[in-house]
């Protein structure tokens, strides 16, 4: 795209900038959501809740499955370091 195209698209620069910022925020949120270290910490908290009697076995199983799915996706995507840290 040449100079004329850039000049014509100049009024849309704030929209393009906002879209870029939103994309970056979304990418970082997904990285944190699937971070293996964060998921492992949530699994540990979940087990503590079960041990303390704060949740039922059924609730534990449901939430554990969700967390294990997130962990698998995070490990497959290579989120975080191999030692489990971000």
Protein backbone atom coordinates (compact mmCIF):
# COMPACT_ATOMS: atom_id res chain seq x y z
CA UNK A 1 0.00 0.00 0.00
CA UNK A 2 1.42 3.31 -1.01
CA UNK A 3 1.37 6.78 0.39
CA UNK A 4 -2.06 7.55 -1.08
CA UNK A 5 -3.56 4.45 0.56
CA UNK A 6 -2.06 5.42 3.91
CA UNK A 7 -3.44 8.95 3.62
CA UNK A 8 -6.89 7.64 2.70
CA UNK A 9 -6.88 5.21 5.64
CA UNK A 10 -5.58 7.80 8.12
CA UNK A 11 -9.06 8.50 9.57
CA UNK A 12 -9.26 4.81 10.50
CA UNK A 13 -5.94 4.81 12.39
CA UNK A 14 -7.59 4.98 15.85
CA UNK A 15 -9.74 1.97 14.99
CA UNK A 16 -6.76 0.01 13.70
CA UNK A 17 -4.78 0.96 16.81
CA UNK A 18 -7.62 -0.08 19.09
CA UNK A 19 -7.96 -3.42 17.29
CA UNK A 20 -4.23 -4.04 17.77
CA UNK A 21 -4.46 -3.27 21.50
CA UNK A 22 -7.47 -5.56 21.90
CA UNK A 23 -5.62 -8.34 20.07
CA UNK A 24 -2.60 -7.96 22.37
CA UNK A 25 -4.76 -8.01 25.51
CA UNK A 26 -6.60 -11.10 24.28
CA UNK A 27 -3.33 -12.87 23.49
CA UNK A 28 -1.94 -12.14 26.98
CA UNK A 29 -5.18 -13.23 28.67
CA UNK A 30 -5.10 -16.54 26.79
CA UNK A 31 -1.44 -17.03 27.70
CA UNK A 32 -2.23 -16.54 31.39
CA UNK A 33 -5.37 -18.70 31.23
CA UNK A 34 -3.50 -21.66 29.74
CA UNK A 35 -0.24 -21.17 31.69
CA UNK A 36 0.66 -24.61 33.11
CA UNK A 37 1.98 -23.15 36.37
CA UNK A 38 -1.26 -21.24 36.98
CA UNK A 39 -3.38 -24.29 36.15
CA UNK A 40 -1.32 -26.47 38.50
CA UNK A 41 -1.80 -23.91 41.28
CA UNK A 42 -5.56 -23.95 40.66
CA UNK A 43 -5.52 -27.76 40.81
CA UNK A 44 -3.75 -27.60 44.18
CA UNK A 45 -6.33 -25.09 45.50
CA UNK A 46 -9.13 -27.30 44.21
CA UNK A 47 -7.73 -30.29 46.07
CA UNK A 48 -7.47 -28.20 49.24
CA UNK A 49 -11.14 -27.23 48.87
CA UNK A 50 -12.10 -30.90 48.55
CA UNK A 51 -10.01 -31.88 51.56
CA UNK A 52 -11.53 -29.07 53.63
CA UNK A 53 -15.02 -30.23 52.65
CA UNK A 54 -15.84 -26.97 50.87
CA UNK A 55 -16.87 -28.75 47.64
CA UNK A 56 -18.39 -32.11 46.79
CA UNK A 57 -16.72 -34.95 44.87
CA UNK A 58 -18.91 -34.19 41.86
CA UNK A 59 -17.91 -30.52 41.85
CA UNK A 60 -14.27 -31.52 42.28
CA UNK A 61 -14.44 -33.94 39.33
CA UNK A 62 -16.12 -31.38 37.08
CA UNK A 63 -13.67 -28.58 37.86
CA UNK A 64 -10.69 -30.94 37.75
CA UNK A 65 -11.65 -32.06 34.23
CA UNK A 66 -11.87 -28.43 33.10
CA UNK A 67 -8.47 -27.63 34.60
CA UNK A 68 -6.86 -30.73 33.11
CA UNK A 69 -8.21 -29.74 29.69
CA UNK A 70 -6.67 -26.28 30.13
CA UNK A 71 -3.39 -27.83 31.23
CA UNK A 72 -3.29 -30.09 28.20
CA UNK A 73 -3.97 -27.19 25.85
CA UNK A 74 -1.32 -25.06 27.56
CA UNK A 75 1.28 -27.78 27.38
CA UNK A 76 0.46 -28.53 23.75
CA UNK A 77 0.69 -24.84 22.85
CA UNK A 78 4.00 -24.49 24.67
CA UNK A 79 2.73 -21.79 27.02
CA UNK A 80 5.22 -21.07 29.80
CA UNK A 81 8.59 -22.77 30.25
CA UNK A 82 9.27 -26.47 30.34
CA UNK A 83 9.78 -26.30 34.11
CA UNK A 84 6.19 -25.11 34.59
CA UNK A 85 6.97 -21.46 35.17
CA UNK A 86 5.81 -18.53 33.11
